[in-house]
N, C-alpha and C. Protein backbone atom coordinates (compact mmCIF):
# COMPACT_ATOMS: atom_id res chain seq x y z
N MET A 1 -31.34 -40.14 5.43
CA MET A 1 -30.86 -40.15 7.17
C MET A 1 -29.38 -40.89 7.28
N PHE A 2 -29.81 -42.32 6.19
CA PHE A 2 -28.19 -43.14 6.58
C PHE A 2 -27.46 -42.29 5.93
N ARG A 3 -27.59 -41.54 4.86
CA ARG A 3 -26.85 -41.32 3.95
C ARG A 3 -26.00 -40.00 4.63
N LEU A 4 -26.98 -39.03 5.35
CA LEU A 4 -26.26 -38.06 5.91
C LEU A 4 -25.61 -38.63 7.30
N TRP A 5 -25.73 -40.02 7.51
CA TRP A 5 -24.64 -40.16 8.78
C TRP A 5 -23.24 -41.16 8.24
N LEU A 6 -23.34 -41.49 6.45
CA LEU A 6 -22.39 -42.14 6.34
C LEU A 6 -21.81 -40.74 5.86
N CYS A 7 -22.00 -40.36 5.32
CA CYS A 7 -21.20 -39.06 4.59
C CYS A 7 -20.43 -38.23 5.72
N ARG A 8 -21.30 -38.45 7.56
CA ARG A 8 -20.12 -37.50 8.44
C ARG A 8 -19.44 -38.58 8.64
N ARG A 9 -19.39 -39.58 8.75
CA ARG A 9 -18.60 -41.12 9.03
C ARG A 9 -17.43 -40.76 8.44
N ARG A 10 -17.60 -40.47 7.17
CA ARG A 10 -16.48 -40.46 5.77
C ARG A 10 -15.62 -39.06 5.78
N GLY A 11 -16.44 -38.66 6.64
CA GLY A 11 -15.22 -37.32 7.00
C GLY A 11 -16.08 -35.87 5.70
N GLY A 12 -16.87 -36.51 5.41
CA GLY A 12 -18.02 -35.39 4.71
C GLY A 12 -18.21 -33.99 4.84
N GLU A 13 -18.32 -34.18 6.15
CA GLU A 13 -18.52 -33.13 7.04
C GLU A 13 -17.58 -31.90 7.23
N LYS A 14 -16.30 -31.93 6.92
CA LYS A 14 -14.95 -31.70 6.86
C LYS A 14 -14.73 -31.03 5.44
N LYS A 15 -15.39 -31.71 4.36
CA LYS A 15 -15.26 -31.28 3.16
C LYS A 15 -16.07 -30.02 3.09
N GLU A 16 -17.55 -30.15 3.22
CA GLU A 16 -18.28 -29.19 3.44
C GLU A 16 -17.90 -28.28 4.24
N ASN A 17 -17.83 -28.01 5.47
CA ASN A 17 -17.24 -27.05 6.03
C ASN A 17 -16.00 -26.52 5.39
N LYS A 18 -15.14 -26.73 4.79
CA LYS A 18 -14.31 -26.33 3.29
C LYS A 18 -14.79 -25.29 2.52
N GLU A 19 -15.53 -26.10 2.11
CA GLU A 19 -15.93 -25.56 1.14
C GLU A 19 -17.00 -24.17 1.25
N ILE A 20 -17.55 -24.53 3.11
CA ILE A 20 -18.36 -22.95 3.10
C ILE A 20 -17.01 -21.89 3.78
N ARG A 21 -16.11 -22.52 4.06
CA ARG A 21 -15.13 -21.64 4.30
C ARG A 21 -14.67 -20.49 2.95
N LYS A 22 -14.26 -21.63 2.23
CA LYS A 22 -14.08 -21.15 0.38
C LYS A 22 -15.19 -20.09 0.02
N MET A 23 -16.28 -19.95 -0.07
CA MET A 23 -17.29 -19.10 -0.19
C MET A 23 -17.67 -18.27 0.47
N LYS A 24 -16.88 -18.17 1.73
CA LYS A 24 -17.26 -17.11 2.84
C LYS A 24 -16.52 -15.95 2.04
N ILE A 25 -14.92 -16.78 2.02
CA ILE A 25 -13.95 -16.38 1.60
C ILE A 25 -14.05 -15.38 0.51
N VAL A 26 -14.64 -15.73 -0.89
CA VAL A 26 -14.82 -15.31 -1.89
C VAL A 26 -15.57 -14.20 -1.58
N ASN A 27 -16.92 -14.63 -1.05
CA ASN A 27 -17.86 -13.54 -0.57
C ASN A 27 -17.29 -12.34 -0.24
N LYS A 28 -16.40 -12.72 0.72
CA LYS A 28 -15.74 -11.48 0.74
C LYS A 28 -14.70 -10.64 0.35
N PHE A 29 -14.13 -11.21 0.00
CA PHE A 29 -13.89 -10.53 -1.14
C PHE A 29 -14.16 -9.58 -2.10
N VAL A 30 -15.84 -10.04 -2.55
CA VAL A 30 -16.07 -9.46 -3.52
C VAL A 30 -16.75 -8.06 -2.66
N THR A 31 -17.00 -8.30 -1.58
CA THR A 31 -17.92 -7.39 -1.02
C THR A 31 -16.68 -6.32 -1.13
N PHE A 32 -15.70 -7.17 -0.64
CA PHE A 32 -14.52 -6.04 -0.72
C PHE A 32 -14.37 -5.03 -2.02
N LEU A 33 -14.34 -5.91 -3.07
CA LEU A 33 -13.66 -4.90 -4.38
C LEU A 33 -14.90 -3.97 -4.49
N LYS A 34 -16.33 -4.15 -4.39
CA LYS A 34 -17.73 -3.29 -4.32
C LYS A 34 -17.29 -2.22 -3.66
N GLU A 35 -16.55 -2.44 -2.51
CA GLU A 35 -16.95 -1.27 -1.09
C GLU A 35 -15.74 -0.48 -1.90
N VAL A 36 -13.95 -1.27 -2.53
CA VAL A 36 -13.46 -0.16 -3.35
C VAL A 36 -13.88 0.97 -4.33
N LYS A 37 -14.76 -0.08 -5.20
CA LYS A 37 -15.06 0.94 -6.40
C LYS A 37 -15.91 1.94 -5.94
N ILE A 38 -17.12 1.61 -4.81
CA ILE A 38 -17.55 2.68 -4.24
C ILE A 38 -17.17 4.10 -3.54
N GLU A 39 -15.81 3.73 -3.28
CA GLU A 39 -14.69 4.46 -2.30
C GLU A 39 -14.06 5.73 -3.27
N MET A 40 -13.44 4.81 -4.56
CA MET A 40 -12.78 5.04 -5.70
C MET A 40 -13.91 6.69 -6.38
N LYS A 41 -15.07 6.33 -6.33
CA LYS A 41 -16.23 7.37 -7.09
C LYS A 41 -16.28 8.60 -6.28
N LYS A 42 -16.08 8.21 -5.17
CA LYS A 42 -15.67 9.49 -3.92
C LYS A 42 -14.28 10.31 -3.85
N VAL A 43 -13.41 9.58 -4.29
CA VAL A 43 -12.16 10.27 -4.20
C VAL A 43 -12.44 11.74 -5.31
N SER A 44 -11.50 12.88 -4.66
CA SER A 44 -11.21 14.05 -5.43
C SER A 44 -10.07 13.64 -6.23
N TRP A 45 -10.11 13.81 -7.13
CA TRP A 45 -8.65 13.73 -8.18
C TRP A 45 -8.02 15.03 -8.02
N SER A 46 -6.74 14.84 -8.68
CA SER A 46 -6.03 16.66 -8.78
C SER A 46 -6.35 16.54 -10.32
N SER A 47 -6.36 17.56 -11.07
CA SER A 47 -6.15 17.74 -12.36
C SER A 47 -5.02 17.68 -12.77
N ARG A 48 -4.76 17.55 -14.19
CA ARG A 48 -3.36 17.65 -14.49
C ARG A 48 -2.49 18.29 -14.23
N GLN A 49 -2.63 19.32 -14.12
CA GLN A 49 -1.75 21.06 -13.95
C GLN A 49 -2.03 21.51 -12.65
N GLU A 50 -2.76 20.94 -11.94
CA GLU A 50 -2.15 20.64 -10.60
C GLU A 50 -1.01 19.71 -10.14
N LEU A 51 -1.26 18.08 -10.37
CA LEU A 51 -0.05 17.36 -10.44
C LEU A 51 0.98 18.18 -10.97
N ILE A 52 1.12 18.88 -12.34
CA ILE A 52 2.39 19.01 -12.79
C ILE A 52 3.10 19.99 -11.47
N ASP A 53 2.34 21.33 -11.13
CA ASP A 53 2.69 22.38 -10.38
C ASP A 53 3.27 21.65 -9.14
N SER A 54 2.69 20.90 -8.47
CA SER A 54 2.97 19.61 -7.32
C SER A 54 4.23 19.43 -7.38
N THR A 55 4.73 18.26 -9.06
CA THR A 55 5.66 17.97 -8.77
C THR A 55 6.63 18.63 -9.27
N LEU A 56 6.37 19.50 -10.04
CA LEU A 56 7.50 21.07 -9.93
C LEU A 56 8.08 21.37 -8.44
N VAL A 57 7.47 21.65 -7.93
CA VAL A 57 7.59 21.88 -6.30
C VAL A 57 8.74 21.46 -5.47
N VAL A 58 8.28 20.02 -5.57
CA VAL A 58 8.76 18.55 -4.93
C VAL A 58 9.76 18.40 -5.16
N ILE A 59 10.54 18.83 -6.99
CA ILE A 59 11.77 18.43 -7.66
C ILE A 59 13.00 20.34 -7.18
N LEU A 60 11.68 21.30 -6.97
CA LEU A 60 12.57 21.82 -6.48
C LEU A 60 12.96 22.10 -5.50
N SER A 61 12.25 21.70 -4.25
CA SER A 61 12.32 21.59 -2.78
C SER A 61 13.55 20.27 -2.84
N VAL A 62 13.45 19.31 -3.57
CA VAL A 62 14.85 18.58 -3.24
C VAL A 62 15.84 19.13 -3.61
N LEU A 63 16.09 19.83 -4.93
CA LEU A 63 17.15 20.42 -5.27
C LEU A 63 18.18 21.43 -4.26
N ILE A 64 16.87 22.02 -3.96
CA ILE A 64 17.50 23.17 -3.05
C ILE A 64 18.11 22.50 -1.92
N LEU A 65 17.13 21.67 -1.24
CA LEU A 65 17.79 20.77 -0.05
C LEU A 65 19.54 20.24 -0.20
N ALA A 66 19.38 19.24 -1.88
CA ALA A 66 20.28 18.80 -2.04
C ALA A 66 21.54 19.99 -1.91
N VAL A 67 21.36 20.94 -2.61
CA VAL A 67 22.64 21.69 -2.76
C VAL A 67 22.79 22.90 -1.03
N PHE A 68 22.19 22.38 -0.58
CA PHE A 68 22.06 23.27 0.94
C PHE A 68 22.96 22.37 1.58
N ILE A 69 22.52 20.74 1.74
CA ILE A 69 23.22 19.85 2.63
C ILE A 69 24.53 19.57 2.07
N GLY A 70 24.74 19.44 0.24
CA GLY A 70 26.62 19.73 -0.23
C GLY A 70 27.27 20.67 0.51
N THR A 71 26.85 21.66 0.25
CA THR A 71 27.08 23.28 1.06
C THR A 71 27.72 22.92 2.65
N CYS A 72 26.61 22.54 2.80
CA CYS A 72 27.57 22.39 4.66
C CYS A 72 28.16 21.13 4.66
N ASP A 73 28.33 20.26 4.19
CA ASP A 73 28.66 19.13 4.09
C ASP A 73 30.31 19.87 3.75
N PHE A 74 30.34 20.21 2.83
CA PHE A 74 31.97 21.02 1.98
C PHE A 74 32.22 21.43 3.36
N PHE A 75 31.72 22.61 3.63
CA PHE A 75 32.03 23.56 5.00
C PHE A 75 32.85 22.91 6.80
N ILE A 76 31.99 21.64 6.35
CA ILE A 76 31.96 21.01 7.50
C ILE A 76 33.67 20.55 7.38
N SER A 77 33.44 19.63 6.47
CA SER A 77 34.88 18.69 5.75
C SER A 77 35.81 19.44 6.34
N LYS A 78 35.99 20.89 5.44
CA LYS A 78 36.93 21.61 5.65
C LYS A 78 37.56 22.14 6.75
N PHE A 79 36.35 22.63 7.60
CA PHE A 79 36.83 23.20 8.77
C PHE A 79 37.62 21.85 9.78
N ILE A 80 37.03 20.64 9.66
CA ILE A 80 37.57 19.52 10.38
C ILE A 80 38.89 19.17 9.85
N ARG A 81 39.20 19.26 8.73
CA ARG A 81 40.57 19.15 7.74
C ARG A 81 41.57 20.28 8.60
N ALA A 82 40.79 21.71 9.01
CA ALA A 82 41.80 22.52 9.41
C ALA A 82 41.93 22.03 10.74
N ILE A 83 41.27 21.63 11.85
CA ILE A 83 41.56 21.47 13.17
C ILE A 83 42.40 20.28 13.15
N ILE A 84 42.24 19.04 12.23
CA ILE A 84 43.23 17.95 12.66
C ILE A 84 44.73 18.58 12.08
N ARG A 85 44.90 19.31 11.15
CA ARG A 85 46.52 19.50 10.67
C ARG A 85 46.56 20.50 11.92
């Protein structure tokens, strides 16, 4: 009893609370990692061919859009230069 009183008197209670908080944080992190592992097993991953096809679609779309925007920019700038002169 005296020892507990002495420990509380010297600030030992604060140390215990810090240790308990640290353990709670560690336990929450471990629980989070376990839940992530479970959820990753549920994910439906694309096949390699689907991934390649999707990548090609994106690259082709970007190229088409770049050509369209470049063409619009070229003609608009020509039009504005003609108006200014």
